[in-house]
PDB file of N, CA and C in Angstrom:
ATOM      1  N   MET A   1      -3.357 -22.661 -29.036  1.00  0.00           N
ATOM      2  CA  MET A   1      -4.183 -22.626 -27.773  1.00  0.00           C
ATOM      3  C   MET A   1      -4.007 -23.966 -27.125  1.00  0.00           C
ATOM      4  N   ASP A   2      -3.632 -23.970 -25.780  1.00  0.00           N
ATOM      5  CA  ASP A   2      -3.343 -25.349 -25.101  1.00  0.00           C
ATOM      6  C   ASP A   2      -4.706 -25.530 -24.284  1.00  0.00           C
ATOM      7  N   LEU A   3      -4.682 -26.579 -23.677  1.00  0.00           N
ATOM      8  CA  LEU A   3      -5.793 -27.064 -22.772  1.00  0.00           C
ATOM      9  C   LEU A   3      -6.158 -26.070 -21.685  1.00  0.00           C
ATOM     10  N   VAL A   4      -5.128 -25.499 -20.990  1.00  0.00           N
ATOM     11  CA  VAL A   4      -5.483 -24.603 -20.167  1.00  0.00           C
ATOM     12  C   VAL A   4      -6.182 -23.305 -20.595  1.00  0.00           C
ATOM     13  N   GLN A   5      -5.810 -22.829 -21.850  1.00  0.00           N
ATOM     14  CA  GLN A   5      -6.361 -21.659 -22.398  1.00  0.00           C
ATOM     15  C   GLN A   5      -7.830 -21.991 -22.838  1.00  0.00           C
ATOM     16  N   ILE A   6      -8.034 -23.174 -23.339  1.00  0.00           N
ATOM     17  CA  ILE A   6      -9.272 -23.673 -23.651  1.00  0.00           C
ATOM     18  C   ILE A   6     -10.225 -23.593 -22.466  1.00  0.00           C
ATOM     19  N   GLY A   7      -9.789 -24.181 -21.471  1.00  0.00           N
ATOM     20  CA  GLY A   7     -10.469 -24.292 -20.282  1.00  0.00           C
ATOM     21  C   GLY A   7     -10.815 -22.748 -19.667  1.00  0.00           C
ATOM     22  N   GLN A   8      -9.892 -21.805 -19.852  1.00  0.00           N
ATOM     23  CA  GLN A   8     -10.126 -20.485 -19.321  1.00  0.00           C
ATOM     24  C   GLN A   8     -11.166 -19.901 -20.166  1.00  0.00           C
ATOM     25  N   THR A   9     -11.171 -20.052 -21.485  1.00  0.00           N
ATOM     26  CA  THR A   9     -11.935 -19.471 -22.436  1.00  0.00           C
ATOM     27  C   THR A   9     -13.369 -20.010 -22.070  1.00  0.00           C
ATOM     28  N   ILE A  10     -13.537 -21.207 -21.951  1.00  0.00           N
ATOM     29  CA  ILE A  10     -14.836 -21.968 -21.637  1.00  0.00           C
ATOM     30  C   ILE A  10     -15.494 -21.430 -20.437  1.00  0.00           C
ATOM     31  N   LEU A  11     -14.627 -21.244 -19.297  1.00  0.00           N
ATOM     32  CA  LEU A  11     -15.053 -20.651 -17.952  1.00  0.00           C
ATOM     33  C   LEU A  11     -15.501 -19.224 -18.117  1.00  0.00           C
ATOM     34  N   ALA A  12     -14.690 -18.438 -18.905  1.00  0.00           N
ATOM     35  CA  ALA A  12     -15.145 -17.029 -19.048  1.00  0.00           C
ATOM     36  C   ALA A  12     -16.484 -16.978 -19.905  1.00  0.00           C
ATOM     37  N   HIS A  13     -16.624 -17.659 -20.962  1.00  0.00           N
ATOM     38  CA  HIS A  13     -17.855 -17.665 -21.560  1.00  0.00           C
ATOM     39  C   HIS A  13     -19.039 -18.113 -20.848  1.00  0.00           C
ATOM     40  N   ARG A  14     -18.777 -19.260 -20.124  1.00  0.00           N
ATOM     41  CA  ARG A  14     -19.872 -19.765 -19.232  1.00  0.00           C
ATOM     42  C   ARG A  14     -20.516 -18.730 -18.249  1.00  0.00           C
ATOM     43  N   LYS A  15     -19.449 -18.107 -17.626  1.00  0.00           N
ATOM     44  CA  LYS A  15     -19.884 -17.012 -16.712  1.00  0.00           C
ATOM     45  C   LYS A  15     -20.482 -15.938 -17.347  1.00  0.00           C
ATOM     46  N   SER A  16     -20.071 -15.477 -18.446  1.00  0.00           N
ATOM     47  CA  SER A  16     -20.652 -14.482 -19.113  1.00  0.00           C
ATOM     48  C   SER A  16     -22.082 -14.655 -19.631  1.00  0.00           C
ATOM     49  N   THR A  17     -22.342 -15.855 -19.835  1.00  0.00           N
ATOM     50  CA  THR A  17     -23.689 -16.325 -20.169  1.00  0.00           C
ATOM     51  C   THR A  17     -24.532 -16.767 -18.917  1.00  0.00           C
ATOM     52  N   LYS A  18     -23.937 -16.546 -17.680  1.00  0.00           N
ATOM     53  CA  LYS A  18     -24.638 -16.784 -16.494  1.00  0.00           C
ATOM     54  C   LYS A  18     -25.074 -18.227 -16.406  1.00  0.00           C
ATOM     55  N   LEU A  19     -24.317 -19.107 -16.915  1.00  0.00           N
ATOM     56  CA  LEU A  19     -24.763 -20.597 -16.887  1.00  0.00           C
ATOM     57  C   LEU A  19     -23.893 -21.121 -15.766  1.00  0.00           C
ATOM     58  N   THR A  20     -24.568 -21.977 -14.898  1.00  0.00           N
ATOM     59  CA  THR A  20     -23.806 -22.733 -13.910  1.00  0.00           C
ATOM     60  C   THR A  20     -23.058 -23.918 -14.662  1.00  0.00           C
ATOM     61  N   GLN A  21     -22.011 -24.486 -13.897  1.00  0.00           N
ATOM     62  CA  GLN A  21     -21.422 -25.500 -14.322  1.00  0.00           C
ATOM     63  C   GLN A  21     -22.489 -26.817 -14.650  1.00  0.00           C
ATOM     64  N   GLN A  22     -23.357 -27.020 -13.677  1.00  0.00           N
ATOM     65  CA  GLN A  22     -24.401 -27.973 -13.802  1.00  0.00           C
ATOM     66  C   GLN A  22     -25.320 -27.839 -14.965  1.00  0.00           C
ATOM     67  N   LYS A  23     -25.660 -26.607 -15.179  1.00  0.00           N
ATOM     68  CA  LYS A  23     -26.642 -26.393 -16.311  1.00  0.00           C
ATOM     69  C   LYS A  23     -26.026 -26.473 -17.574  1.00  0.00           C
ATOM     70  N   LEU A  24     -24.652 -25.994 -17.845  1.00  0.00           N
ATOM     71  CA  LEU A  24     -23.948 -26.288 -18.967  1.00  0.00           C
ATOM     72  C   LEU A  24     -23.567 -27.650 -19.267  1.00  0.00           C
ATOM     73  N   ALA A  25     -23.332 -28.358 -18.111  1.00  0.00           N
ATOM     74  CA  ALA A  25     -23.014 -29.861 -18.418  1.00  0.00           C
ATOM     75  C   ALA A  25     -24.338 -30.500 -18.827  1.00  0.00           C
ATOM     76  N   GLU A  26     -25.503 -30.190 -18.288  1.00  0.00           N
ATOM     77  CA  GLU A  26     -26.629 -30.736 -18.657  1.00  0.00           C
ATOM     78  C   GLU A  26     -26.924 -30.606 -20.199  1.00  0.00           C
ATOM     79  N   LYS A  27     -26.823 -29.241 -20.630  1.00  0.00           N
ATOM     80  CA  LYS A  27     -27.141 -28.878 -22.019  1.00  0.00           C
ATOM     81  C   LYS A  27     -26.283 -29.600 -22.852  1.00  0.00           C
ATOM     82  N   ALA A  28     -24.946 -29.727 -22.491  1.00  0.00           N
ATOM     83  CA  ALA A  28     -23.980 -30.607 -23.464  1.00  0.00           C
ATOM     84  C   ALA A  28     -23.935 -32.041 -23.411  1.00  0.00           C
ATOM     85  N   HIS A  29     -24.767 -32.580 -22.404  1.00  0.00           N
ATOM     86  CA  HIS A  29     -24.748 -33.946 -22.081  1.00  0.00           C
ATOM     87  C   HIS A  29     -23.520 -34.561 -21.668  1.00  0.00           C
ATOM     88  N   VAL A  30     -22.827 -33.842 -20.739  1.00  0.00           N
ATOM     89  CA  VAL A  30     -21.606 -34.261 -20.163  1.00  0.00           C
ATOM     90  C   VAL A  30     -21.708 -34.257 -18.672  1.00  0.00           C
ATOM     91  N   SER A  31     -20.754 -34.774 -17.881  1.00  0.00           N
ATOM     92  CA  SER A  31     -20.779 -34.783 -16.481  1.00  0.00           C
ATOM     93  C   SER A  31     -20.252 -33.301 -16.038  1.00  0.00           C
ATOM     94  N   ARG A  32     -20.771 -32.881 -14.831  1.00  0.00           N
ATOM     95  CA  ARG A  32     -20.251 -31.717 -14.290  1.00  0.00           C
ATOM     96  C   ARG A  32     -18.690 -31.873 -13.977  1.00  0.00           C
ATOM     97  N   TYR A  33     -18.410 -33.058 -13.610  1.00  0.00           N
ATOM     98  CA  TYR A  33     -17.008 -33.413 -13.263  1.00  0.00           C
ATOM     99  C   TYR A  33     -16.021 -33.078 -14.472  1.00  0.00           C
ATOM    100  N   THR A  34     -16.526 -33.607 -15.652  1.00  0.00           N
ATOM    101  CA  THR A  34     -15.788 -33.341 -16.897  1.00  0.00           C
ATOM    102  C   THR A  34     -15.604 -31.896 -17.165  1.00  0.00           C
ATOM    103  N   LEU A  35     -16.669 -31.188 -16.960  1.00  0.00           N
ATOM    104  CA  LEU A  35     -16.592 -29.712 -17.221  1.00  0.00           C
ATOM    105  C   LEU A  35     -15.629 -28.966 -16.211  1.00  0.00           C
ATOM    106  N   ILE A  36     -15.749 -29.311 -14.974  1.00  0.00           N
ATOM    107  CA  ILE A  36     -14.845 -28.872 -13.979  1.00  0.00           C
ATOM    108  C   ILE A  36     -13.373 -29.118 -14.356  1.00  0.00           C
ATOM    109  N   LYS A  37     -13.024 -30.400 -14.821  1.00  0.00           N
ATOM    110  CA  LYS A  37     -11.589 -30.670 -15.193  1.00  0.00           C
ATOM    111  C   LYS A  37     -11.209 -29.887 -16.419  1.00  0.00           C
ATOM    112  N   LEU A  38     -12.153 -29.721 -17.390  1.00  0.00           N
ATOM    113  CA  LEU A  38     -11.855 -28.985 -18.555  1.00  0.00           C
ATOM    114  C   LEU A  38     -11.611 -27.364 -18.300  1.00  0.00           C
ATOM    115  N   GLU A  39     -12.474 -26.854 -17.334  1.00  0.00           N
ATOM    116  CA  GLU A  39     -12.254 -25.601 -16.948  1.00  0.00           C
ATOM    117  C   GLU A  39     -10.816 -25.217 -16.087  1.00  0.00           C
ATOM    118  N   LYS A  40     -10.376 -26.277 -15.494  1.00  0.00           N
ATOM    119  CA  LYS A  40      -9.220 -26.304 -14.752  1.00  0.00           C
ATOM    120  C   LYS A  40      -7.962 -26.524 -15.671  1.00  0.00           C
ATOM    121  N   GLY A  41      -8.208 -27.081 -16.917  1.00  0.00           N
ATOM    122  CA  GLY A  41      -7.252 -27.413 -17.825  1.00  0.00           C
ATOM    123  C   GLY A  41      -6.558 -28.667 -17.491  1.00  0.00           C
ATOM    124  N   THR A  42      -7.367 -29.618 -16.875  1.00  0.00           N
ATOM    125  CA  THR A  42      -6.734 -30.840 -16.400  1.00  0.00           C
ATOM    126  C   THR A  42      -7.395 -32.021 -17.093  1.00  0.00           C
ATOM    127  N   ALA A  43      -8.268 -31.872 -18.083  1.00  0.00           N
ATOM    128  CA  ALA A  43      -8.985 -32.821 -18.715  1.00  0.00           C
ATOM    129  C   ALA A  43      -8.203 -33.196 -20.157  1.00  0.00           C
ATOM    130  N   SER A  44      -6.986 -33.869 -19.611  1.00  0.00           N
ATOM    131  CA  SER A  44      -6.154 -34.342 -20.832  1.00  0.00           C
ATOM    132  C   SER A  44      -6.760 -35.431 -21.672  1.00  0.00           C
ATOM    133  N   ASP A  45      -7.741 -36.187 -20.957  1.00  0.00           N
ATOM    134  CA  ASP A  45      -8.391 -37.291 -21.742  1.00  0.00           C
ATOM    135  C   ASP A  45      -9.673 -37.024 -22.333  1.00  0.00           C
ATOM    136  N   ILE A  46      -9.969 -35.601 -22.539  1.00  0.00           N
ATOM    137  CA  ILE A  46     -11.233 -35.319 -22.998  1.00  0.00           C
ATOM    138  C   ILE A  46     -11.468 -35.701 -24.572  1.00  0.00           C
ATOM    139  N   GLN A  47     -12.636 -36.350 -24.892  1.00  0.00           N
ATOM    140  CA  GLN A  47     -12.838 -36.561 -26.333  1.00  0.00           C
ATOM    141  C   GLN A  47     -13.203 -35.331 -27.002  1.00  0.00           C
ATOM    142  N   LEU A  48     -12.838 -35.272 -28.256  1.00  0.00           N
ATOM    143  CA  LEU A  48     -13.223 -34.175 -29.119  1.00  0.00           C
ATOM    144  C   LEU A  48     -14.749 -34.003 -29.309  1.00  0.00           C
ATOM    145  N   LYS A  49     -15.415 -35.072 -29.260  1.00  0.00           N
ATOM    146  CA  LYS A  49     -16.889 -34.921 -29.184  1.00  0.00           C
ATOM    147  C   LYS A  49     -17.439 -34.169 -28.100  1.00  0.00           C
ATOM    148  N   THR A  50     -16.966 -34.518 -26.957  1.00  0.00           N
ATOM    149  CA  THR A  50     -17.276 -33.951 -25.763  1.00  0.00           C
ATOM    150  C   THR A  50     -17.011 -32.412 -25.753  1.00  0.00           C
ATOM    151  N   LEU A  51     -15.808 -32.149 -26.247  1.00  0.00           N
ATOM    152  CA  LEU A  51     -15.349 -30.628 -26.193  1.00  0.00           C
ATOM    153  C   LEU A  51     -16.162 -29.869 -27.119  1.00  0.00           C
ATOM    154  N   LEU A  52     -16.411 -30.348 -28.320  1.00  0.00           N
ATOM    155  CA  LEU A  52     -17.280 -29.657 -29.336  1.00  0.00           C
ATOM    156  C   LEU A  52     -18.647 -29.582 -28.840  1.00  0.00           C
ATOM    157  N   ALA A  53     -19.123 -30.375 -28.030  1.00  0.00           N
ATOM    158  CA  ALA A  53     -20.593 -30.371 -27.411  1.00  0.00           C
ATOM    159  C   ALA A  53     -20.573 -29.092 -26.508  1.00  0.00           C
ATOM    160  N   ILE A  54     -19.608 -29.059 -25.620  1.00  0.00           N
ATOM    161  CA  ILE A  54     -19.486 -27.932 -24.661  1.00  0.00           C
ATOM    162  C   ILE A  54     -19.294 -26.577 -25.403  1.00  0.00           C
ATOM    163  N   LEU A  55     -18.307 -26.546 -26.298  1.00  0.00           N
ATOM    164  CA  LEU A  55     -18.222 -25.433 -27.225  1.00  0.00           C
ATOM    165  C   LEU A  55     -19.510 -24.930 -27.923  1.00  0.00           C
ATOM    166  N   SER A  56     -20.109 -25.845 -28.521  1.00  0.00           N
ATOM    167  CA  SER A  56     -21.407 -25.530 -29.261  1.00  0.00           C
ATOM    168  C   SER A  56     -22.433 -24.833 -28.334  1.00  0.00           C
ATOM    169  N   GLU A  57     -22.640 -25.266 -27.091  1.00  0.00           N
ATOM    170  CA  GLU A  57     -23.600 -24.873 -26.064  1.00  0.00           C
ATOM    171  C   GLU A  57     -23.267 -23.392 -25.861  1.00  0.00           C
ATOM    172  N   LEU A  58     -21.913 -22.938 -25.894  1.00  0.00           N
ATOM    173  CA  LEU A  58     -21.409 -21.672 -25.560  1.00  0.00           C
ATOM    174  C   LEU A  58     -21.284 -20.854 -26.964  1.00  0.00           C
ATOM    175  N   ASN A  59     -21.666 -21.375 -28.015  1.00  0.00           N
ATOM    176  CA  ASN A  59     -21.486 -20.735 -29.339  1.00  0.00           C
ATOM    177  C   ASN A  59     -20.200 -20.387 -29.606  1.00  0.00           C
ATOM    178  N   LEU A  60     -19.282 -21.392 -29.385  1.00  0.00           N
ATOM    179  CA  LEU A  60     -17.876 -21.161 -29.656  1.00  0.00           C
ATOM    180  C   LEU A  60     -17.483 -22.221 -30.612  1.00  0.00           C
ATOM    181  N   THR A  61     -16.376 -22.070 -31.394  1.00  0.00           N
ATOM    182  CA  THR A  61     -15.891 -22.925 -32.281  1.00  0.00           C
ATOM    183  C   THR A  61     -14.357 -23.244 -31.910  1.00  0.00           C
ATOM    184  N   LEU A  62     -13.982 -24.309 -32.556  1.00  0.00           N
ATOM    185  CA  LEU A  62     -12.474 -24.709 -32.422  1.00  0.00           C
ATOM    186  C   LEU A  62     -12.054 -24.725 -33.751  1.00  0.00           C
ATOM    187  N   ASP A  63     -10.950 -23.840 -33.957  1.00  0.00           N
ATOM    188  CA  ASP A  63     -10.158 -23.837 -35.206  1.00  0.00           C
ATOM    189  C   ASP A  63      -8.946 -24.610 -35.247  1.00  0.00           C
ATOM    190  N   ILE A  64      -8.626 -25.248 -36.360  1.00  0.00           N
ATOM    191  CA  ILE A  64      -7.276 -25.942 -36.313  1.00  0.00           C
ATOM    192  C   ILE A  64      -6.391 -25.196 -37.270  1.00  0.00           C
ATOM    193  N   LYS A  65      -5.214 -24.867 -36.753  1.00  0.00           N
ATOM    194  CA  LYS A  65      -4.183 -24.139 -37.526  1.00  0.00           C
ATOM    195  C   LYS A  65      -2.853 -24.717 -37.297  1.00  0.00           C
ATOM    196  N   ASP A  66      -1.996 -24.566 -38.253  1.00  0.00           N
ATOM    197  CA  ASP A  66      -0.509 -24.818 -38.057  1.00  0.00           C
ATOM    198  C   ASP A  66      -0.055 -24.089 -36.940  1.00  0.00           C
ATOM    199  N   ARG A  67       0.756 -24.742 -36.227  1.00  0.00           N
ATOM    200  CA  ARG A  67       1.461 -24.025 -35.032  1.00  0.00           C
ATOM    201  C   ARG A  67       2.856 -23.920 -35.277  1.00  0.00           C
ATOM    202  N   PRO A  68       3.502 -22.846 -34.782  1.00  0.00           N
ATOM    203  CA  PRO A  68       5.004 -22.980 -34.870  1.00  0.00           C
ATOM    204  C   PRO A  68       5.607 -24.088 -34.093  1.00  0.00           C
ATOM    205  N   ILE A  69       6.631 -24.500 -34.325  1.00  0.00           N
ATOM    206  CA  ILE A  69       7.323 -25.505 -33.597  1.00  0.00           C
ATOM    207  C   ILE A  69       8.027 -24.858 -32.348  1.00  0.00           C
ATOM    208  N   SER A  70       7.522 -25.094 -31.221  1.00  0.00           N
ATOM    209  CA  SER A  70       8.031 -24.389 -30.150  1.00  0.00           C
ATOM    210  C   SER A  70       8.407 -25.308 -29.116  1.00  0.00           C
ATOM    211  N   GLY A  71       7.972 -26.586 -29.017  1.00  0.00           N
ATOM    212  CA  GLY A  71       8.353 -27.540 -27.946  1.00  0.00           C
ATOM    213  C   GLY A  71       7.309 -27.497 -26.966  1.00  0.00           C
ATOM    214  N   ILE A  72       6.339 -26.562 -26.860  1.00  0.00           N
ATOM    215  CA  ILE A  72       5.330 -26.448 -25.938  1.00  0.00           C
ATOM    216  C   ILE A  72       4.094 -27.587 -26.345  1.00  0.00           C
ATOM    217  N   PRO A  73       3.846 -28.496 -25.398  1.00  0.00           N
ATOM    218  CA  PRO A  73       2.742 -29.320 -25.828  1.00  0.00           C
ATOM    219  C   PRO A  73       1.482 -28.773 -25.673  1.00  0.00           C
ATOM    220  N   VAL A  74       0.624 -29.091 -26.738  1.00  0.00           N
ATOM    221  CA  VAL A  74      -0.808 -28.698 -26.836  1.00  0.00           C
ATOM    222  C   VAL A  74      -1.755 -29.763 -26.862  1.00  0.00           C
ATOM    223  N   LEU A  75      -3.071 -29.495 -26.902  1.00  0.00           N
ATOM    224  CA  LEU A  75      -4.015 -30.567 -26.755  1.00  0.00           C
ATOM    225  C   LEU A  75      -3.891 -31.508 -27.858  1.00  0.00           C
ATOM    226  N   GLY A  76      -3.687 -32.751 -27.565  1.00  0.00           N
ATOM    227  CA  GLY A  76      -3.488 -33.917 -28.509  1.00  0.00           C
ATOM    228  C   GLY A  76      -2.076 -34.365 -28.569  1.00  0.00           C
ATOM    229  N   ASP A  77      -1.152 -33.632 -28.033  1.00  0.00           N
ATOM    230  CA  ASP A  77       0.205 -34.099 -27.986  1.00  0.00           C
ATOM    231  C   ASP A  77       0.437 -35.156 -26.951  1.00  0.00           C
ATOM    232  N   ASN A  78       1.349 -36.004 -27.391  1.00  0.00           N
ATOM    233  CA  ASN A  78       1.580 -37.240 -26.295  1.00  0.00           C
ATOM    234  C   ASN A  78       3.049 -37.298 -26.118  1.00  0.00           C
TER     235      ASN A  78
END
């Protein structure tokens, strides 16, 4: 899963729980701007702690798995 897919998942779950960006940001103790960037898939500098806080508020988890070598950059690739 790449950053864009993570953002799309967060956006879908936020909307399904009827949370506004502002309310989710407040609950996760992050800025609304950070949440906006994450939902757009452009928060390339997001800290893991921040991502986990947002996921936690949506009752989502982040799983780490081996990925096939495909040449497609994913979250954390530099």
